[in-house]
Amino acid sequence: MKPKTVGFNLFVLLALYSFSLFLVVGVCAVFFGASVNYFKHDVWTFSGEDITKILKMASIYGFFAAVGIWIKSKINERKKNKEHR
């Protein structure tokens, strides 16, 4: 089901998707870095502090990415409406 208008519901959905994307990428990157460090130096550096940092950064990046994409979509929707009038 594709929404017909760019509204607040679409913004919330976009924010959740972008937060999830940044969260998964962040966890994978930190886990990969910790794995490389473990195999090189035998020290496991993945901790709960890393998870809290990833959550904080994913929420910030996800929010601003969602705002930017939503505004661009809203502008494009208004342009299309003006052309059809």
N, C-alpha and C. Protein backbone atom coordinates (compact mmCIF):
# COMPACT_ATOMS: atom_id res chain seq x y z
N MET A 1 0.85 -1.18 0.00
CA MET A 1 0.00 0.00 0.00
C MET A 1 0.89 1.24 0.00
N LYS A 2 0.79 2.02 -1.03
CA LYS A 2 1.61 3.22 -1.18
C LYS A 2 0.79 4.44 -0.79
N PRO A 3 1.31 5.29 0.11
CA PRO A 3 0.56 6.48 0.50
C PRO A 3 0.44 7.45 -0.68
N LYS A 4 -0.73 8.12 -0.76
CA LYS A 4 -0.97 9.04 -1.87
C LYS A 4 -0.45 10.44 -1.57
N THR A 5 -0.34 10.79 -0.30
CA THR A 5 0.16 12.11 0.07
C THR A 5 1.32 11.97 1.05
N VAL A 6 2.12 13.01 1.09
CA VAL A 6 3.25 13.05 2.01
C VAL A 6 2.75 13.72 3.29
N GLY A 7 2.45 12.90 4.29
CA GLY A 7 1.92 13.43 5.54
C GLY A 7 2.78 13.02 6.73
N PHE A 8 2.24 13.26 7.91
CA PHE A 8 2.98 12.97 9.14
C PHE A 8 3.20 11.47 9.32
N ASN A 9 2.24 10.65 8.91
CA ASN A 9 2.41 9.20 9.03
C ASN A 9 3.59 8.70 8.22
N LEU A 10 3.76 9.27 7.03
CA LEU A 10 4.89 8.90 6.20
C LEU A 10 6.21 9.33 6.85
N PHE A 11 6.20 10.49 7.51
CA PHE A 11 7.41 10.96 8.20
C PHE A 11 7.80 10.00 9.33
N VAL A 12 6.82 9.57 10.11
CA VAL A 12 7.11 8.64 11.21
C VAL A 12 7.67 7.33 10.68
N LEU A 13 7.07 6.81 9.63
CA LEU A 13 7.55 5.57 9.02
C LEU A 13 8.96 5.74 8.47
N LEU A 14 9.22 6.85 7.83
CA LEU A 14 10.54 7.13 7.30
C LEU A 14 11.57 7.27 8.42
N ALA A 15 11.19 7.90 9.52
CA ALA A 15 12.11 8.05 10.65
C ALA A 15 12.44 6.68 11.25
N LEU A 16 11.46 5.81 11.36
CA LEU A 16 11.72 4.46 11.89
C LEU A 16 12.63 3.66 10.97
N TYR A 17 12.37 3.75 9.67
CA TYR A 17 13.22 3.03 8.71
C TYR A 17 14.65 3.54 8.73
N SER A 18 14.82 4.85 8.74
CA SER A 18 16.18 5.39 8.71
C SER A 18 16.90 5.12 10.04
N PHE A 19 16.18 5.16 11.16
CA PHE A 19 16.79 4.80 12.44
C PHE A 19 17.25 3.35 12.41
N SER A 20 16.40 2.47 11.89
CA SER A 20 16.76 1.06 11.82
C SER A 20 17.97 0.83 10.93
N LEU A 21 18.01 1.52 9.81
CA LEU A 21 19.14 1.38 8.90
C LEU A 21 20.44 1.81 9.57
N PHE A 22 20.45 2.99 10.19
CA PHE A 22 21.66 3.48 10.85
C PHE A 22 22.03 2.60 12.05
N LEU A 23 21.05 2.05 12.73
CA LEU A 23 21.32 1.17 13.86
C LEU A 23 22.01 -0.11 13.40
N VAL A 24 21.48 -0.74 12.36
CA VAL A 24 22.07 -1.98 11.86
C VAL A 24 23.47 -1.74 11.31
N VAL A 25 23.64 -0.67 10.54
CA VAL A 25 24.96 -0.36 9.99
C VAL A 25 25.95 -0.06 11.12
N GLY A 26 25.52 0.68 12.12
CA GLY A 26 26.40 1.01 13.25
C GLY A 26 26.81 -0.21 14.04
N VAL A 27 25.87 -1.10 14.33
CA VAL A 27 26.19 -2.31 15.08
C VAL A 27 27.14 -3.19 14.28
N CYS A 28 26.88 -3.34 13.00
CA CYS A 28 27.76 -4.17 12.15
C CYS A 28 29.17 -3.58 12.09
N ALA A 29 29.27 -2.26 11.94
CA ALA A 29 30.58 -1.62 11.86
C ALA A 29 31.36 -1.76 13.16
N VAL A 30 30.72 -1.52 14.29
CA VAL A 30 31.41 -1.63 15.57
C VAL A 30 31.77 -3.08 15.86
N PHE A 31 30.89 -4.00 15.52
CA PHE A 31 31.19 -5.42 15.73
C PHE A 31 32.35 -5.86 14.84
N PHE A 32 32.38 -5.39 13.60
CA PHE A 32 33.48 -5.72 12.69
C PHE A 32 34.79 -5.15 13.24
N GLY A 33 34.77 -3.92 13.71
CA GLY A 33 35.97 -3.31 14.29
C GLY A 33 36.44 -4.05 15.53
N ALA A 34 35.50 -4.46 16.38
CA ALA A 34 35.87 -5.22 17.58
C ALA A 34 36.44 -6.58 17.21
N SER A 35 35.91 -7.20 16.17
CA SER A 35 36.42 -8.50 15.73
C SER A 35 37.84 -8.38 15.19
N VAL A 36 38.09 -7.35 14.39
CA VAL A 36 39.44 -7.14 13.87
C VAL A 36 40.41 -6.89 15.01
N ASN A 37 40.00 -6.08 15.98
CA ASN A 37 40.85 -5.80 17.13
C ASN A 37 41.11 -7.07 17.94
N TYR A 38 40.10 -7.93 18.05
CA TYR A 38 40.27 -9.17 18.81
C TYR A 38 41.27 -10.10 18.12
N PHE A 39 41.16 -10.24 16.82
CA PHE A 39 42.07 -11.14 16.11
C PHE A 39 43.49 -10.59 16.01
N LYS A 40 43.64 -9.27 16.05
CA LYS A 40 44.97 -8.68 15.98
C LYS A 40 45.65 -8.62 17.34
N HIS A 41 44.89 -8.21 18.36
CA HIS A 41 45.49 -7.93 19.67
C HIS A 41 44.94 -8.78 20.81
N ASP A 42 44.03 -9.70 20.53
CA ASP A 42 43.40 -10.55 21.55
C ASP A 42 42.71 -9.76 22.64
N VAL A 43 42.10 -8.64 22.28
CA VAL A 43 41.34 -7.81 23.23
C VAL A 43 39.97 -7.56 22.63
N TRP A 44 38.91 -7.96 23.34
CA TRP A 44 37.54 -7.75 22.88
C TRP A 44 37.08 -6.39 23.37
N THR A 45 36.77 -5.47 22.44
CA THR A 45 36.44 -4.10 22.81
C THR A 45 34.97 -3.74 22.63
N PHE A 46 34.13 -4.69 22.31
CA PHE A 46 32.70 -4.44 22.13
C PHE A 46 32.02 -4.47 23.48
N SER A 47 31.34 -3.37 23.86
CA SER A 47 30.73 -3.30 25.19
C SER A 47 29.36 -2.64 25.13
N GLY A 48 28.73 -2.55 26.27
CA GLY A 48 27.42 -1.91 26.37
C GLY A 48 27.49 -0.42 26.08
N GLU A 49 28.62 0.19 26.38
CA GLU A 49 28.81 1.61 26.09
C GLU A 49 28.75 1.86 24.59
N ASP A 50 29.27 0.92 23.82
CA ASP A 50 29.21 1.04 22.36
C ASP A 50 27.76 1.02 21.88
N ILE A 51 26.96 0.16 22.47
CA ILE A 51 25.54 0.06 22.08
C ILE A 51 24.81 1.37 22.37
N THR A 52 25.06 1.98 23.53
CA THR A 52 24.39 3.24 23.85
C THR A 52 24.83 4.36 22.91
N LYS A 53 26.10 4.38 22.54
CA LYS A 53 26.57 5.37 21.57
C LYS A 53 25.91 5.17 20.21
N ILE A 54 25.80 3.89 19.80
CA ILE A 54 25.18 3.59 18.51
C ILE A 54 23.71 4.00 18.53
N LEU A 55 23.01 3.73 19.61
CA LEU A 55 21.59 4.12 19.71
C LEU A 55 21.43 5.63 19.62
N LYS A 56 22.29 6.36 20.32
CA LYS A 56 22.22 7.82 20.31
C LYS A 56 22.50 8.36 18.91
N MET A 57 23.56 7.88 18.29
CA MET A 57 23.91 8.38 16.97
C MET A 57 22.90 7.95 15.90
N ALA A 58 22.39 6.73 15.99
CA ALA A 58 21.40 6.27 15.01
C ALA A 58 20.13 7.10 15.11
N SER A 59 19.73 7.48 16.31
CA SER A 59 18.53 8.30 16.45
C SER A 59 18.75 9.70 15.87
N ILE A 60 19.92 10.28 16.10
CA ILE A 60 20.21 11.61 15.55
C ILE A 60 20.29 11.57 14.03
N TYR A 61 21.10 10.65 13.51
CA TYR A 61 21.26 10.55 12.05
C TYR A 61 19.95 10.16 11.38
N GLY A 62 19.23 9.24 11.97
CA GLY A 62 17.96 8.81 11.39
C GLY A 62 16.94 9.92 11.35
N PHE A 63 16.88 10.72 12.40
CA PHE A 63 15.92 11.83 12.44
C PHE A 63 16.23 12.86 11.36
N PHE A 64 17.49 13.28 11.28
CA PHE A 64 17.84 14.31 10.30
C PHE A 64 17.74 13.79 8.87
N ALA A 65 18.07 12.54 8.64
CA ALA A 65 17.90 11.96 7.31
C ALA A 65 16.41 11.92 6.94
N ALA A 66 15.58 11.54 7.90
CA ALA A 66 14.13 11.48 7.65
C ALA A 66 13.57 12.88 7.38
N VAL A 67 14.01 13.86 8.12
CA VAL A 67 13.54 15.23 7.90
C VAL A 67 13.92 15.71 6.50
N GLY A 68 15.15 15.48 6.10
CA GLY A 68 15.60 15.92 4.79
C GLY A 68 14.85 15.24 3.66
N ILE A 69 14.68 13.94 3.76
CA ILE A 69 13.97 13.20 2.71
C ILE A 69 12.50 13.59 2.68
N TRP A 70 11.90 13.77 3.85
CA TRP A 70 10.48 14.13 3.92
C TRP A 70 10.23 15.52 3.32
N ILE A 71 11.12 16.48 3.63
CA ILE A 71 10.97 17.83 3.08
C ILE A 71 11.11 17.79 1.56
N LYS A 72 12.08 17.04 1.06
CA LYS A 72 12.27 16.92 -0.38
C LYS A 72 11.03 16.30 -1.04
N SER A 73 10.46 15.28 -0.40
CA SER A 73 9.25 14.65 -0.95
C SER A 73 8.07 15.61 -0.91
N LYS A 74 7.96 16.40 0.15
CA LYS A 74 6.87 17.37 0.26
C LYS A 74 6.98 18.44 -0.83
N ILE A 75 8.20 18.90 -1.09
CA ILE A 75 8.42 19.89 -2.15
C ILE A 75 8.05 19.31 -3.51
N ASN A 76 8.48 18.08 -3.77
CA ASN A 76 8.14 17.43 -5.04
C ASN A 76 6.63 17.22 -5.19
N GLU A 77 5.96 16.90 -4.10
CA GLU A 77 4.51 16.72 -4.15
C GLU A 77 3.82 18.04 -4.49
N ARG A 78 4.28 19.13 -3.91
CA ARG A 78 3.68 20.44 -4.21
C ARG A 78 3.93 20.85 -5.65
N LYS A 79 5.13 20.54 -6.16
CA LYS A 79 5.42 20.85 -7.57
C LYS A 79 4.49 20.08 -8.50
N LYS A 80 4.27 18.81 -8.20
CA LYS A 80 3.37 18.00 -9.02
C LYS A 80 1.94 18.53 -8.97
N ASN A 81 1.50 18.96 -7.80
CA ASN A 81 0.14 19.51 -7.66
C ASN A 81 -0.01 20.81 -8.44
N LYS A 82 1.02 21.65 -8.48
CA LYS A 82 0.96 22.89 -9.23
C LYS A 82 0.92 22.63 -10.73
N GLU A 83 1.64 21.61 -11.19
CA GLU A 83 1.66 21.28 -12.61
C GLU A 83 0.33 20.74 -13.08
N HIS A 84 -0.38 20.02 -12.24
CA HIS A 84 -1.65 19.40 -12.63
C HIS A 84 -2.83 20.37 -12.57
N ARG A 85 -2.64 21.53 -12.02
CA ARG A 85 -3.73 22.51 -11.91
C ARG A 85 -3.98 23.20 -13.19
